[in-house]
Amino acid sequence: MDQDIIIAKSLTLASFETAIRKAAEVYGEKLFIVVGRGSVAVTLPGSSDHLRRTGDIDLFAPYDPAKVDAWAELDRTVSVESLFFIEHGFYIERVGEWKLISQPSGWQERAIHLHVDDIEVFALHPLDLAYNKLEAGRPKDIDFMREGLDCKAYDYVEVLEFIQTHAPDRDTREMILEKLHLAAA
């Protein structure tokens, strides 16, 4: 089992908002894109506690080359070894736009858009998250998808149709569908 899952709690909307406020404070930004399991606190709030369990929230602000070095220095204030982690039981991991490089087109329009105070947030739509997890295909990603199907947060046919519609080519589609079948087994 993924170490982050073992050490974390199930994220709620309140914990998600706490992370967004802290990221805005630390990085001095007012726009974030949230990817990964941490987005489930917003996009699938009624899902199982296990599905919402994570050790971190992956997010990023739009790339600004003038800020990259400063942001890297600030990462430690919200990392796994930070006071934020000790106080809240999860940490903030600043990732990059590269996390979505192979995401199906239109993800921005499908993303869940919300505001936390004056901070604009886009959280990856659950189907885009499923696609992302299945494409990565790590054991923890297959486990995530299996739990999502088991707790009925995800509908197998809906995920299947999304992959069939959005995979960029036959090889990618077959690889992702193979992972979906593995998760459903």
N, C-alpha and C. Protein backbone atom coordinates (compact mmCIF):
# COMPACT_ATOMS: atom_id res chain seq x y z
N MET A 1 0.85 -1.18 0.00
CA MET A 1 0.00 0.00 0.00
C MET A 1 0.90 1.24 0.00
N ASP A 2 0.44 2.28 -0.66
CA ASP A 2 1.17 3.53 -0.75
C ASP A 2 1.38 4.14 0.64
N GLN A 3 2.60 4.52 0.95
CA GLN A 3 2.93 5.09 2.26
C GLN A 3 2.09 6.33 2.55
N ASP A 4 1.83 7.17 1.54
CA ASP A 4 1.01 8.37 1.77
C ASP A 4 -0.38 8.01 2.26
N ILE A 5 -0.93 6.91 1.79
CA ILE A 5 -2.27 6.49 2.20
C ILE A 5 -2.24 6.04 3.66
N ILE A 6 -1.20 5.36 4.06
CA ILE A 6 -1.10 4.84 5.42
C ILE A 6 -1.01 5.98 6.44
N ILE A 7 -0.26 7.03 6.12
CA ILE A 7 -0.02 8.07 7.11
C ILE A 7 -1.06 9.19 7.07
N ALA A 8 -2.00 9.16 6.15
CA ALA A 8 -2.90 10.29 5.96
C ALA A 8 -4.29 10.02 6.50
N LYS A 9 -5.07 11.07 6.40
CA LYS A 9 -6.48 10.98 6.75
C LYS A 9 -7.30 11.20 5.50
N SER A 10 -8.58 10.95 5.59
CA SER A 10 -9.47 11.22 4.47
C SER A 10 -9.67 12.72 4.38
N LEU A 11 -9.38 13.26 3.21
CA LEU A 11 -9.51 14.71 3.04
C LEU A 11 -10.97 15.10 2.87
N THR A 12 -11.30 16.20 3.49
CA THR A 12 -12.64 16.78 3.40
C THR A 12 -12.55 18.09 2.63
N LEU A 13 -13.68 18.68 2.35
CA LEU A 13 -13.69 19.98 1.71
C LEU A 13 -12.95 20.99 2.58
N ALA A 14 -13.12 20.92 3.89
CA ALA A 14 -12.43 21.85 4.80
C ALA A 14 -10.91 21.69 4.70
N SER A 15 -10.42 20.46 4.65
CA SER A 15 -8.97 20.26 4.54
C SER A 15 -8.46 20.72 3.18
N PHE A 16 -9.25 20.49 2.14
CA PHE A 16 -8.91 20.97 0.80
C PHE A 16 -8.77 22.50 0.81
N GLU A 17 -9.75 23.16 1.39
CA GLU A 17 -9.72 24.63 1.45
C GLU A 17 -8.53 25.13 2.27
N THR A 18 -8.20 24.43 3.34
CA THR A 18 -7.03 24.78 4.14
C THR A 18 -5.77 24.73 3.29
N ALA A 19 -5.65 23.68 2.49
CA ALA A 19 -4.47 23.54 1.62
C ALA A 19 -4.42 24.66 0.59
N ILE A 20 -5.53 25.00 0.00
CA ILE A 20 -5.56 26.06 -1.01
C ILE A 20 -5.18 27.40 -0.39
N ARG A 21 -5.73 27.71 0.76
CA ARG A 21 -5.38 28.97 1.43
C ARG A 21 -3.88 29.02 1.76
N LYS A 22 -3.36 27.90 2.24
CA LYS A 22 -1.93 27.86 2.59
C LYS A 22 -1.07 27.99 1.34
N ALA A 23 -1.43 27.33 0.27
CA ALA A 23 -0.66 27.43 -0.98
C ALA A 23 -0.66 28.88 -1.48
N ALA A 24 -1.80 29.54 -1.41
CA ALA A 24 -1.89 30.94 -1.85
C ALA A 24 -1.00 31.82 -0.98
N GLU A 25 -1.02 31.57 0.30
CA GLU A 25 -0.19 32.35 1.23
C GLU A 25 1.30 32.12 0.94
N VAL A 26 1.69 30.87 0.81
CA VAL A 26 3.10 30.52 0.62
C VAL A 26 3.63 30.97 -0.73
N TYR A 27 2.89 30.66 -1.79
CA TYR A 27 3.39 30.92 -3.14
C TYR A 27 2.97 32.28 -3.70
N GLY A 28 2.09 32.98 -3.00
CA GLY A 28 1.67 34.31 -3.46
C GLY A 28 0.87 34.27 -4.75
N GLU A 29 0.10 33.21 -4.94
CA GLU A 29 -0.68 33.06 -6.16
C GLU A 29 -2.17 33.00 -5.84
N LYS A 30 -2.98 33.27 -6.84
CA LYS A 30 -4.44 33.26 -6.66
C LYS A 30 -5.14 32.33 -7.65
N LEU A 31 -4.36 31.46 -8.31
CA LEU A 31 -4.93 30.48 -9.24
C LEU A 31 -4.14 29.18 -9.12
N PHE A 32 -4.87 28.09 -8.87
CA PHE A 32 -4.23 26.78 -8.74
C PHE A 32 -5.02 25.73 -9.50
N ILE A 33 -4.30 24.76 -10.02
CA ILE A 33 -4.89 23.58 -10.63
C ILE A 33 -4.53 22.42 -9.71
N VAL A 34 -5.55 21.68 -9.28
CA VAL A 34 -5.36 20.56 -8.36
C VAL A 34 -5.55 19.27 -9.14
N VAL A 35 -4.56 18.41 -9.06
CA VAL A 35 -4.58 17.12 -9.74
C VAL A 35 -4.36 16.04 -8.69
N GLY A 36 -4.55 14.80 -9.07
CA GLY A 36 -4.27 13.71 -8.14
C GLY A 36 -5.40 13.46 -7.17
N ARG A 37 -5.13 12.54 -6.29
CA ARG A 37 -6.13 12.04 -5.34
C ARG A 37 -6.71 13.14 -4.45
N GLY A 38 -5.94 14.16 -4.17
CA GLY A 38 -6.43 15.25 -3.33
C GLY A 38 -7.63 15.98 -3.91
N SER A 39 -7.80 15.91 -5.22
CA SER A 39 -8.94 16.59 -5.85
C SER A 39 -10.26 15.91 -5.50
N VAL A 40 -10.22 14.66 -5.09
CA VAL A 40 -11.44 13.90 -4.80
C VAL A 40 -12.24 14.52 -3.65
N ALA A 41 -11.58 15.23 -2.75
CA ALA A 41 -12.29 15.90 -1.65
C ALA A 41 -13.32 16.88 -2.18
N VAL A 42 -13.08 17.42 -3.37
CA VAL A 42 -13.99 18.38 -3.99
C VAL A 42 -14.86 17.73 -5.05
N THR A 43 -14.28 16.87 -5.86
CA THR A 43 -15.00 16.34 -7.01
C THR A 43 -15.87 15.13 -6.69
N LEU A 44 -15.50 14.37 -5.67
CA LEU A 44 -16.27 13.20 -5.24
C LEU A 44 -16.39 13.20 -3.71
N PRO A 45 -16.96 14.27 -3.15
CA PRO A 45 -16.96 14.42 -1.69
C PRO A 45 -17.73 13.33 -0.95
N GLY A 46 -18.67 12.68 -1.60
CA GLY A 46 -19.44 11.63 -0.95
C GLY A 46 -18.84 10.25 -1.11
N SER A 47 -17.64 10.18 -1.68
CA SER A 47 -17.01 8.87 -1.90
C SER A 47 -16.49 8.30 -0.58
N SER A 48 -15.99 7.10 -0.64
CA SER A 48 -15.52 6.43 0.57
C SER A 48 -14.35 7.18 1.21
N ASP A 49 -14.21 6.99 2.51
CA ASP A 49 -13.08 7.59 3.22
C ASP A 49 -11.75 7.15 2.62
N HIS A 50 -11.68 5.88 2.23
CA HIS A 50 -10.42 5.38 1.66
C HIS A 50 -10.08 6.07 0.35
N LEU A 51 -11.07 6.31 -0.48
CA LEU A 51 -10.80 6.96 -1.77
C LEU A 51 -10.29 8.39 -1.56
N ARG A 52 -10.73 9.04 -0.51
CA ARG A 52 -10.30 10.42 -0.22
C ARG A 52 -9.04 10.48 0.65
N ARG A 53 -8.48 9.32 0.96
CA ARG A 53 -7.31 9.26 1.83
C ARG A 53 -6.04 9.47 1.01
N THR A 54 -5.26 10.46 1.43
CA THR A 54 -4.00 10.75 0.76
C THR A 54 -3.08 11.50 1.72
N GLY A 55 -1.83 11.42 1.46
CA GLY A 55 -0.85 12.13 2.27
C GLY A 55 -0.55 13.51 1.74
N ASP A 56 -1.06 13.81 0.52
CA ASP A 56 -0.73 15.11 -0.06
C ASP A 56 -1.81 15.60 -1.00
N ILE A 57 -1.74 16.86 -1.30
CA ILE A 57 -2.55 17.47 -2.34
C ILE A 57 -1.57 17.99 -3.38
N ASP A 58 -1.70 17.47 -4.60
CA ASP A 58 -0.85 17.90 -5.72
C ASP A 58 -1.52 19.08 -6.40
N LEU A 59 -0.77 20.17 -6.52
CA LEU A 59 -1.32 21.35 -7.18
C LEU A 59 -0.22 22.14 -7.84
N PHE A 60 -0.62 23.05 -8.70
CA PHE A 60 0.34 23.96 -9.30
C PHE A 60 -0.35 25.25 -9.71
N ALA A 61 0.43 26.30 -9.72
CA ALA A 61 0.00 27.58 -10.28
C ALA A 61 0.52 27.62 -11.71
N PRO A 62 -0.10 28.42 -12.57
CA PRO A 62 0.43 28.51 -13.93
C PRO A 62 1.92 28.85 -13.91
N TYR A 63 2.63 28.21 -14.82
CA TYR A 63 4.09 28.33 -14.88
C TYR A 63 4.52 29.78 -15.09
N ASP A 64 5.46 30.19 -14.26
CA ASP A 64 6.06 31.53 -14.37
C ASP A 64 7.56 31.34 -14.15
N PRO A 65 8.36 31.40 -15.21
CA PRO A 65 9.80 31.13 -15.06
C PRO A 65 10.49 32.08 -14.09
N ALA A 66 9.95 33.26 -13.90
CA ALA A 66 10.56 34.21 -12.98
C ALA A 66 10.37 33.81 -11.52
N LYS A 67 9.42 32.90 -11.25
CA LYS A 67 9.10 32.51 -9.87
C LYS A 67 9.56 31.11 -9.49
N VAL A 68 10.02 30.34 -10.45
CA VAL A 68 10.33 28.93 -10.21
C VAL A 68 11.33 28.74 -9.08
N ASP A 69 12.41 29.48 -9.07
CA ASP A 69 13.42 29.31 -8.02
C ASP A 69 12.85 29.68 -6.65
N ALA A 70 12.10 30.76 -6.59
CA ALA A 70 11.50 31.18 -5.31
C ALA A 70 10.51 30.13 -4.83
N TRP A 71 9.68 29.62 -5.75
CA TRP A 71 8.71 28.59 -5.37
C TRP A 71 9.43 27.36 -4.82
N ALA A 72 10.52 26.95 -5.45
CA ALA A 72 11.27 25.77 -5.00
C ALA A 72 11.74 25.96 -3.56
N GLU A 73 12.19 27.15 -3.23
CA GLU A 73 12.63 27.44 -1.86
C GLU A 73 11.46 27.36 -0.87
N LEU A 74 10.29 27.76 -1.33
CA LEU A 74 9.11 27.80 -0.46
C LEU A 74 8.47 26.42 -0.26
N ASP A 75 8.77 25.49 -1.14
CA ASP A 75 8.17 24.15 -1.05
C ASP A 75 8.34 23.52 0.32
N ARG A 76 9.49 23.74 0.94
CA ARG A 76 9.75 23.08 2.22
C ARG A 76 8.81 23.54 3.33
N THR A 77 8.17 24.70 3.16
CA THR A 77 7.26 25.20 4.20
C THR A 77 5.92 24.45 4.22
N VAL A 78 5.65 23.66 3.17
CA VAL A 78 4.40 22.89 3.13
C VAL A 78 4.66 21.42 2.81
N SER A 79 5.91 21.00 2.84
CA SER A 79 6.28 19.63 2.46
C SER A 79 5.98 18.64 3.58
N VAL A 80 6.35 17.40 3.33
CA VAL A 80 6.10 16.32 4.28
C VAL A 80 6.83 16.54 5.60
N GLU A 81 7.87 17.33 5.62
CA GLU A 81 8.61 17.58 6.85
C GLU A 81 8.24 18.92 7.49
N SER A 82 7.17 19.54 7.03
CA SER A 82 6.81 20.89 7.46
C SER A 82 5.88 20.90 8.68
N LEU A 83 5.79 22.06 9.29
CA LEU A 83 4.84 22.27 10.38
C LEU A 83 3.41 22.10 9.86
N PHE A 84 3.18 22.53 8.62
CA PHE A 84 1.85 22.35 8.01
C PHE A 84 1.46 20.87 8.04
N PHE A 85 2.37 20.00 7.65
CA PHE A 85 2.09 18.56 7.66
C PHE A 85 1.80 18.06 9.07
N ILE A 86 2.61 18.47 10.01
CA ILE A 86 2.42 18.05 11.41
C ILE A 86 1.05 18.47 11.92
N GLU A 87 0.64 19.69 11.59
CA GLU A 87 -0.64 20.23 12.06
C GLU A 87 -1.85 19.61 11.37
N HIS A 88 -1.72 19.27 10.08
CA HIS A 88 -2.89 18.87 9.29
C HIS A 88 -2.92 17.41 8.85
N GLY A 89 -1.79 16.71 8.93
CA GLY A 89 -1.77 15.30 8.57
C GLY A 89 -1.66 15.04 7.07
N PHE A 90 -1.40 16.06 6.30
CA PHE A 90 -1.13 15.93 4.87
C PHE A 90 -0.27 17.11 4.48
N TYR A 91 0.35 17.03 3.32
CA TYR A 91 1.21 18.11 2.87
C TYR A 91 0.80 18.55 1.46
N ILE A 92 1.36 19.65 1.03
CA ILE A 92 1.11 20.18 -0.30
C ILE A 92 2.32 19.88 -1.15
N GLU A 93 2.09 19.27 -2.29
CA GLU A 93 3.18 19.00 -3.22
C GLU A 93 2.94 19.82 -4.47
N ARG A 94 3.85 20.75 -4.70
CA ARG A 94 3.77 21.57 -5.91
C ARG A 94 4.32 20.75 -7.06
N VAL A 95 3.45 20.48 -8.00
CA VAL A 95 3.85 19.75 -9.19
C VAL A 95 3.84 20.75 -10.36
N GLY A 96 3.95 20.27 -11.55
CA GLY A 96 3.96 21.17 -12.69
C GLY A 96 2.92 20.81 -13.73
N GLU A 97 2.79 21.67 -14.68
CA GLU A 97 1.84 21.45 -15.77
C GLU A 97 2.15 20.16 -16.52
N TRP A 98 3.39 19.68 -16.42
CA TRP A 98 3.78 18.44 -17.05
C TRP A 98 2.91 17.27 -16.59
N LYS A 99 2.30 17.38 -15.40
CA LYS A 99 1.44 16.31 -14.90
C LYS A 99 0.26 16.05 -15.83
N LEU A 100 -0.08 17.06 -16.63
CA LEU A 100 -1.25 16.94 -17.50
C LEU A 100 -0.88 16.90 -18.98
N ILE A 101 0.38 16.64 -19.27
CA ILE A 101 0.85 16.71 -20.65
C ILE A 101 0.12 15.73 -21.57
N SER A 102 -0.27 14.59 -21.06
CA SER A 102 -0.98 13.63 -21.90
C SER A 102 -2.47 13.56 -21.57
N GLN A 103 -2.94 14.53 -20.80
CA GLN A 103 -4.36 14.57 -20.45
C GLN A 103 -5.19 14.82 -21.71
N PRO A 104 -6.33 14.16 -21.84
CA PRO A 104 -7.17 14.39 -23.02
C PRO A 104 -7.56 15.87 -23.15
N SER A 105 -7.63 16.31 -24.39
CA SER A 105 -8.01 17.70 -24.63
C SER A 105 -9.39 17.96 -24.04
N GLY A 106 -9.59 19.18 -23.63
CA GLY A 106 -10.85 19.58 -23.02
C GLY A 106 -10.89 19.43 -21.51
N TRP A 107 -9.78 18.98 -20.91
CA TRP A 107 -9.80 18.78 -19.46
C TRP A 107 -10.09 20.08 -18.73
N GLN A 108 -9.63 21.21 -19.28
CA GLN A 108 -9.86 22.50 -18.62
C GLN A 108 -11.36 22.80 -18.53
N GLU A 109 -12.10 22.49 -19.58
CA GLU A 109 -13.54 22.74 -19.58
C GLU A 109 -14.27 21.76 -18.66
N ARG A 110 -13.74 20.56 -18.51
CA ARG A 110 -14.38 19.56 -17.65
C ARG A 110 -14.02 19.75 -16.17
N ALA A 111 -12.93 20.44 -15.90
CA ALA A 111 -12.46 20.61 -14.52
C ALA A 111 -13.54 21.27 -13.66
N ILE A 112 -13.53 20.93 -12.41
CA ILE A 112 -14.45 21.53 -11.45
C ILE A 112 -13.85 22.88 -11.05
N HIS A 113 -14.59 23.92 -11.27
CA HIS A 113 -14.12 25.28 -11.00
C HIS A 113 -14.76 25.78 -9.71
N LEU A 114 -13.93 26.26 -8.81
CA LEU A 114 -14.46 26.79 -7.56
C LEU A 114 -13.57 27.91 -7.06
N HIS A 115 -14.08 28.62 -6.08
CA HIS A 115 -13.32 29.68 -5.43
C HIS A 115 -13.20 29.34 -3.95
N VAL A 116 -12.03 29.55 -3.43
CA VAL A 116 -11.79 29.46 -2.00
C VAL A 116 -11.37 30.87 -1.62
N ASP A 117 -12.28 31.58 -0.99
CA ASP A 117 -12.10 33.01 -0.75
C ASP A 117 -11.89 33.68 -2.11
N ASP A 118 -10.79 34.37 -2.30
CA ASP A 118 -10.53 35.03 -3.59
C ASP A 118 -9.54 34.23 -4.45
N ILE A 119 -9.38 32.97 -4.15
CA ILE A 119 -8.45 32.10 -4.88
C ILE A 119 -9.25 31.24 -5.86
N GLU A 120 -8.86 31.27 -7.11
CA GLU A 120 -9.53 30.48 -8.14
C GLU A 120 -8.86 29.11 -8.21
N VAL A 121 -9.69 28.07 -8.26
CA VAL A 121 -9.18 26.70 -8.24
C VAL A 121 -9.89 25.89 -9.33
N PHE A 122 -9.10 25.10 -10.04
CA PHE A 122 -9.61 24.12 -10.98
C PHE A 122 -9.15 22.76 -10.48
N ALA A 123 -10.12 21.89 -10.19
CA ALA A 123 -9.80 20.52 -9.74
C ALA A 123 -10.13 19.58 -10.89
N LEU A 124 -9.22 18.67 -11.16
CA LEU A 124 -9.39 17.72 -12.26
C LEU A 124 -10.70 16.96 -12.11
N HIS A 125 -11.47 16.91 -13.19
CA HIS A 125 -12.74 16.18 -13.20
C HIS A 125 -12.47 14.71 -12.86
N PRO A 126 -13.39 14.06 -12.17
CA PRO A 126 -13.16 12.66 -11.80
C PRO A 126 -12.82 11.74 -12.98
N LEU A 127 -13.43 11.94 -14.13
CA LEU A 127 -13.10 11.08 -15.27
C LEU A 127 -11.71 11.36 -15.80
N ASP A 128 -11.29 12.63 -15.78
CA ASP A 128 -9.92 12.95 -16.16
C ASP A 128 -8.93 12.37 -15.16
N LEU A 129 -9.30 12.40 -13.87
CA LEU A 129 -8.44 11.79 -12.85
C LEU A 129 -8.33 10.28 -13.08
N ALA A 130 -9.44 9.64 -13.39
CA ALA A 130 -9.41 8.19 -13.66
C ALA A 130 -8.50 7.91 -14.85
N TYR A 131 -8.63 8.68 -15.89
CA TYR A 131 -7.79 8.51 -17.08
C TYR A 131 -6.32 8.66 -16.69
N ASN A 132 -6.03 9.72 -15.94
CA ASN A 132 -4.66 10.01 -15.51
C ASN A 132 -4.10 8.86 -14.67
N LYS A 133 -4.88 8.38 -13.73
CA LYS A 133 -4.44 7.28 -12.85
C LYS A 133 -4.21 5.99 -13.66
N LEU A 134 -5.13 5.69 -14.54
CA LEU A 134 -5.00 4.46 -15.33
C LEU A 134 -3.86 4.56 -16.33
N GLU A 135 -3.63 5.73 -16.87
CA GLU A 135 -2.50 5.89 -17.79
C GLU A 135 -1.18 5.70 -17.04
N ALA A 136 -1.08 6.25 -15.83
CA ALA A 136 0.13 6.07 -15.03
C ALA A 136 0.30 4.58 -14.68
N GLY A 137 -0.80 3.96 -14.26
CA GLY A 137 -0.82 2.52 -14.08
C GLY A 137 0.01 1.95 -12.95
N ARG A 138 0.45 2.78 -12.01
CA ARG A 138 1.21 2.26 -10.88
C ARG A 138 0.27 1.45 -9.98
N PRO A 139 0.79 0.56 -9.15
CA PRO A 139 -0.09 -0.21 -8.27
C PRO A 139 -1.03 0.68 -7.45
N LYS A 140 -0.54 1.80 -6.94
CA LYS A 140 -1.41 2.67 -6.14
C LYS A 140 -2.51 3.30 -7.00
N ASP A 141 -2.24 3.49 -8.30
CA ASP A 141 -3.26 4.04 -9.19
C ASP A 141 -4.33 3.01 -9.52
N ILE A 142 -3.90 1.77 -9.72
CA ILE A 142 -4.86 0.68 -9.95
C ILE A 142 -5.71 0.48 -8.70
N ASP A 143 -5.08 0.54 -7.51
CA ASP A 143 -5.83 0.43 -6.26
C ASP A 143 -6.85 1.55 -6.12
N PHE A 144 -6.46 2.78 -6.50
CA PHE A 144 -7.38 3.92 -6.45
C PHE A 144 -8.60 3.63 -7.32
N MET A 145 -8.35 3.18 -8.54
CA MET A 145 -9.45 2.92 -9.46
C MET A 145 -10.32 1.78 -8.97
N ARG A 146 -9.69 0.74 -8.43
CA ARG A 146 -10.44 -0.40 -7.89
C ARG A 146 -11.37 0.08 -6.77
N GLU A 147 -10.85 0.88 -5.86
CA GLU A 147 -11.66 1.42 -4.77
C GLU A 147 -12.77 2.32 -5.31
N GLY A 148 -12.45 3.14 -6.30
CA GLY A 148 -13.45 4.02 -6.90
C GLY A 148 -14.60 3.25 -7.52
N LEU A 149 -14.29 2.13 -8.16
CA LEU A 149 -15.33 1.28 -8.73
C LEU A 149 -16.10 0.55 -7.63
N ASP A 150 -15.38 0.05 -6.64
CA ASP A 150 -16.01 -0.71 -5.56
C ASP A 150 -16.99 0.15 -4.76
N CYS A 151 -16.62 1.39 -4.50
CA CYS A 151 -17.49 2.26 -3.68
C CYS A 151 -18.50 3.01 -4.54
N LYS A 152 -18.52 2.72 -5.83
CA LYS A 152 -19.48 3.31 -6.78
C LYS A 152 -19.26 4.80 -7.02
N ALA A 153 -18.09 5.32 -6.69
CA ALA A 153 -17.75 6.70 -7.04
C ALA A 153 -17.56 6.79 -8.55
N TYR A 154 -17.12 5.68 -9.14
CA TYR A 154 -16.93 5.59 -10.58
C TYR A 154 -17.82 4.49 -11.14
N ASP A 155 -18.35 4.74 -12.31
CA ASP A 155 -19.13 3.75 -13.04
C ASP A 155 -18.23 3.18 -14.14
N TYR A 156 -18.09 1.87 -14.16
CA TYR A 156 -17.18 1.22 -15.10
C TYR A 156 -17.47 1.62 -16.54
N VAL A 157 -18.71 1.57 -16.93
CA VAL A 157 -19.07 1.87 -18.32
C VAL A 157 -18.75 3.33 -18.66
N GLU A 158 -19.01 4.22 -17.75
CA GLU A 158 -18.71 5.63 -17.99
C GLU A 158 -17.21 5.86 -18.16
N VAL A 159 -16.39 5.23 -17.32
CA VAL A 159 -14.93 5.34 -17.45
C VAL A 159 -14.48 4.71 -18.77
N LEU A 160 -15.01 3.55 -19.08
CA LEU A 160 -14.68 2.87 -20.33
C LEU A 160 -14.98 3.76 -21.54
N GLU A 161 -16.16 4.34 -21.57
CA GLU A 161 -16.54 5.21 -22.69
C GLU A 161 -15.67 6.46 -22.76
N PHE A 162 -15.31 7.01 -21.60
CA PHE A 162 -14.44 8.18 -21.58
C PHE A 162 -13.09 7.85 -22.21
N ILE A 163 -12.52 6.71 -21.83
CA ILE A 163 -11.23 6.29 -22.39
C ILE A 163 -11.35 6.05 -23.89
N GLN A 164 -12.39 5.36 -24.30
CA GLN A 164 -12.57 5.08 -25.72
C GLN A 164 -12.72 6.37 -26.53
N THR A 165 -13.35 7.36 -25.96
CA THR A 165 -13.56 8.63 -26.65
C THR A 165 -12.33 9.51 -26.65
N HIS A 166 -11.56 9.50 -25.56
CA HIS A 166 -10.51 10.50 -25.38
C HIS A 166 -9.07 10.01 -25.56
N ALA A 167 -8.84 8.73 -25.58
CA ALA A 167 -7.46 8.26 -25.79
C ALA A 167 -7.00 8.71 -27.17
N PRO A 168 -5.76 9.19 -27.27
CA PRO A 168 -5.30 9.79 -28.53
C PRO A 168 -5.03 8.80 -29.66
N ASP A 169 -4.83 7.53 -29.32
CA ASP A 169 -4.55 6.54 -30.36
C ASP A 169 -4.89 5.15 -29.84
N ARG A 170 -4.88 4.18 -30.74
CA ARG A 170 -5.28 2.82 -30.40
C ARG A 170 -4.39 2.19 -29.33
N ASP A 171 -3.07 2.36 -29.44
CA ASP A 171 -2.16 1.74 -28.47
C ASP A 171 -2.38 2.29 -27.07
N THR A 172 -2.53 3.60 -26.96
CA THR A 172 -2.78 4.22 -25.65
C THR A 172 -4.11 3.75 -25.10
N ARG A 173 -5.13 3.74 -25.95
CA ARG A 173 -6.46 3.31 -25.53
C ARG A 173 -6.41 1.87 -25.00
N GLU A 174 -5.76 0.98 -25.72
CA GLU A 174 -5.69 -0.42 -25.28
C GLU A 174 -4.93 -0.57 -23.98
N MET A 175 -3.84 0.19 -23.83
CA MET A 175 -3.05 0.12 -22.60
C MET A 175 -3.88 0.60 -21.40
N ILE A 176 -4.60 1.71 -21.57
CA ILE A 176 -5.40 2.25 -20.46
C ILE A 176 -6.59 1.33 -20.17
N LEU A 177 -7.22 0.80 -21.21
CA LEU A 177 -8.33 -0.13 -20.98
C LEU A 177 -7.88 -1.40 -20.28
N GLU A 178 -6.69 -1.85 -20.57
CA GLU A 178 -6.12 -3.02 -19.87
C GLU A 178 -6.02 -2.73 -18.37
N LYS A 179 -5.58 -1.54 -18.02
CA LYS A 179 -5.47 -1.16 -16.61
C LYS A 179 -6.85 -1.04 -15.96
N LEU A 180 -7.83 -0.53 -16.71
CA LEU A 180 -9.20 -0.46 -16.19
C LEU A 180 -9.73 -1.87 -15.92
N HIS A 181 -9.51 -2.79 -16.83
CA HIS A 181 -9.96 -4.18 -16.64
C HIS A 181 -9.28 -4.79 -15.41
N LEU A 182 -8.00 -4.49 -15.23
CA LEU A 182 -7.28 -4.98 -14.05
C LEU A 182 -7.90 -4.43 -12.77
N ALA A 183 -8.23 -3.15 -12.77
CA ALA A 183 -8.85 -2.53 -11.58
C ALA A 183 -10.23 -3.12 -11.30
N ALA A 184 -10.94 -3.49 -12.35
CA ALA A 184 -12.29 -4.02 -12.19
C ALA A 184 -12.32 -5.49 -11.82
N ALA A 185 -11.18 -6.16 -11.96
CA ALA A 185 -11.14 -7.62 -11.70
C ALA A 185 -11.31 -7.94 -10.23
